[in-house]
Amino acid sequence: MIKANHQISLGHDYYVVKEGKFFGISIGTNLGCTINLLGTTYMPKIKGTLLFFEAFRITQKECAQRWKQLHLKF
């Protein structure tokens, strides 16, 4: 699992994985929806972008499995 270096509480838990500045295109998406788009014409081009993922009501194990699917594809 990814260990966060900061935790900010705004009613929910949010984690900063790596601090810094980014200039360019950012894409926010649901992790499960992104998995379903892999290999389709609807999958946006993500090379050179900053991706923000959210996952709702899944276990840590399910989240890790989905990350592995993304890693294997790219």
Protein backbone atom coordinates (compact mmCIF):
# COMPACT_ATOMS: atom_id res chain seq x y z
CA MET A 1 0.00 0.00 0.00
CA ILE A 2 1.05 3.59 -0.51
CA LYS A 3 2.13 5.32 2.67
CA ALA A 4 1.00 8.92 2.80
CA ASN A 5 3.30 11.62 4.07
CA HIS A 6 0.44 13.95 5.03
CA GLN A 7 -3.13 13.56 6.17
CA ILE A 8 -5.65 16.38 5.99
CA SER A 9 -9.07 15.88 7.56
CA LEU A 10 -11.94 17.67 5.82
CA GLY A 11 -14.75 15.40 6.94
CA HIS A 12 -13.06 12.53 5.10
CA ASP A 13 -9.47 11.35 4.97
CA TYR A 14 -7.38 12.64 2.09
CA TYR A 15 -3.78 11.69 1.48
CA VAL A 16 -0.97 13.46 -0.31
CA VAL A 17 1.27 10.82 -1.85
CA LYS A 18 3.89 13.20 -3.21
CA GLU A 19 4.01 16.95 -2.73
CA GLY A 20 5.09 19.23 -5.52
CA LYS A 21 3.99 21.41 -8.41
CA PHE A 22 2.60 20.20 -11.70
CA PHE A 23 1.90 22.14 -14.87
CA GLY A 24 -0.16 20.43 -17.53
CA ILE A 25 -3.29 18.35 -17.92
CA SER A 26 -4.82 16.62 -14.92
CA ILE A 27 -7.53 13.97 -15.04
CA GLY A 28 -9.73 12.97 -12.12
CA THR A 29 -11.56 9.66 -12.28
CA ASN A 30 -12.94 6.70 -10.39
CA LEU A 31 -10.51 3.77 -10.24
CA GLY A 32 -13.16 1.15 -11.12
CA CYS A 33 -14.48 3.15 -14.08
CA THR A 34 -10.95 3.57 -15.41
CA ILE A 35 -10.41 -0.20 -15.28
CA ASN A 36 -13.60 -0.66 -17.32
CA LEU A 37 -12.34 1.81 -19.97
CA LEU A 38 -9.01 0.05 -20.51
CA GLY A 39 -8.68 -1.15 -24.08
CA THR A 40 -11.69 0.84 -25.36
CA THR A 41 -11.81 3.90 -27.59
CA TYR A 42 -13.27 5.83 -24.63
CA MET A 43 -10.08 5.57 -22.56
CA PRO A 44 -8.46 9.01 -22.57
CA LYS A 45 -4.81 9.38 -23.46
CA ILE A 46 -3.03 9.59 -20.12
CA LYS A 47 0.63 9.79 -21.08
CA GLY A 48 2.11 12.95 -19.58
CA THR A 49 -0.93 13.71 -17.41
CA LEU A 50 -1.43 13.84 -13.68
CA LEU A 51 -4.07 11.33 -12.62
CA PHE A 52 -6.33 11.67 -9.59
CA PHE A 53 -8.17 8.51 -8.60
CA GLU A 54 -10.89 7.93 -6.08
CA ALA A 55 -12.35 4.61 -5.00
CA PHE A 56 -15.51 4.27 -2.98
CA ARG A 57 -16.68 1.35 -0.86
CA ILE A 58 -13.95 -1.09 -1.78
CA THR A 59 -11.54 -2.92 0.47
CA GLN A 60 -7.80 -2.29 0.54
CA LYS A 61 -7.32 -5.67 -1.15
CA GLU A 62 -9.71 -4.75 -3.99
CA CYS A 63 -7.97 -1.39 -4.40
CA ALA A 64 -4.57 -3.08 -4.61
CA GLN A 65 -5.90 -5.51 -7.23
CA ARG A 66 -7.21 -2.65 -9.36
CA TRP A 67 -3.89 -0.80 -9.11
CA LYS A 68 -2.18 -3.99 -10.26
CA GLN A 69 -4.51 -4.14 -13.29
CA LEU A 70 -3.55 -0.58 -14.21
CA HIS A 71 0.14 -1.30 -13.70
CA LEU A 72 -0.01 -4.37 -15.96
CA LYS A 73 -1.72 -2.39 -18.71
CA PHE A 74 0.73 0.52 -18.69
